[in-house]
Amino acid sequence: MQVPYAPSTIKKQSIYLGVSYDQAYAWSRTRKGGWAVARSPILITTITLERLEKREYISISEIYKKLTEK
């Protein structure tokens, strides 16, 4: 199985997103897969709705609301 990102990259990006060094190190060494990490504090803490909105991402629920409005 191929690992998409090296632990050092994950650690650097976590620190960039505001995670403490110790927590970033611990999270970068997880053996959990993508689905497990997606529901963990790792992503909940670093990738927030505010960050996504700031980068102009649109939520699926917003798209659905626009498509179903009449």
Protein backbone atom coordinates (compact mmCIF):
# COMPACT_ATOMS: atom_id res chain seq x y z
CA MET A 1 0.00 0.00 0.00
CA GLN A 2 1.34 3.41 -0.94
CA VAL A 3 1.34 6.17 1.67
CA PRO A 4 0.06 9.43 0.14
CA TYR A 5 2.11 11.72 2.38
CA ALA A 6 5.26 11.25 4.39
CA PRO A 7 4.94 11.73 8.16
CA SER A 8 7.28 14.73 7.99
CA THR A 9 4.97 16.44 5.48
CA ILE A 10 1.91 15.79 7.63
CA LYS A 11 3.74 17.18 10.67
CA LYS A 12 4.83 20.34 8.83
CA GLN A 13 1.35 20.97 7.43
CA SER A 14 -0.27 20.41 10.84
CA ILE A 15 2.07 22.93 12.45
CA TYR A 16 1.26 25.37 9.63
CA LEU A 17 -2.44 24.94 10.46
CA GLY A 18 -1.82 25.83 14.11
CA VAL A 19 -1.35 22.46 15.82
CA SER A 20 1.29 22.28 18.55
CA TYR A 21 4.57 20.55 17.66
CA ASP A 22 3.95 17.63 20.03
CA GLN A 23 0.42 17.02 18.77
CA ALA A 24 1.52 17.36 15.15
CA TYR A 25 4.27 14.81 15.73
CA ALA A 26 1.86 12.35 17.34
CA TRP A 27 -0.76 12.78 14.61
CA SER A 28 1.78 12.43 11.82
CA ARG A 29 2.77 9.01 13.17
CA THR A 30 -0.74 7.55 13.21
CA ARG A 31 -1.29 4.26 11.44
CA LYS A 32 -4.96 4.95 10.94
CA GLY A 33 -6.30 5.06 7.42
CA GLY A 34 -7.91 8.03 5.74
CA TRP A 35 -11.45 7.19 6.84
CA ALA A 36 -10.44 6.88 10.50
CA VAL A 37 -8.44 10.11 10.40
CA ALA A 38 -11.34 11.95 8.75
CA ARG A 39 -13.50 11.45 11.86
CA SER A 40 -10.73 12.15 14.36
CA PRO A 41 -9.66 15.34 16.17
CA ILE A 42 -6.82 15.61 13.68
CA LEU A 43 -8.99 17.02 10.90
CA ILE A 44 -11.71 18.46 13.12
CA THR A 45 -9.07 20.68 14.74
CA THR A 46 -7.15 21.72 11.64
CA ILE A 47 -9.65 21.92 8.78
CA THR A 48 -12.51 24.05 10.03
CA LEU A 49 -15.57 25.41 8.24
CA GLU A 50 -14.13 28.91 8.59
CA ARG A 51 -10.96 27.89 6.76
CA LEU A 52 -12.94 26.25 3.98
CA GLU A 53 -15.24 29.26 3.60
CA LYS A 54 -12.22 31.58 3.55
CA ARG A 55 -10.88 29.59 0.59
CA GLU A 56 -14.30 29.87 -1.04
CA TYR A 57 -15.27 26.20 -0.85
CA ILE A 58 -19.00 25.63 -1.07
CA SER A 59 -20.59 22.95 1.10
CA ILE A 60 -22.61 20.19 -0.49
CA SER A 61 -25.62 21.21 1.60
CA GLU A 62 -25.44 24.75 0.16
CA ILE A 63 -25.32 23.36 -3.38
CA TYR A 64 -28.30 21.13 -2.61
CA LYS A 65 -30.28 24.06 -1.19
CA LYS A 66 -29.61 26.13 -4.32
CA LEU A 67 -30.61 23.28 -6.62
CA THR A 68 -33.84 22.51 -4.78
CA GLU A 69 -35.03 26.12 -4.29
CA LYS A 70 -37.94 27.17 -6.45
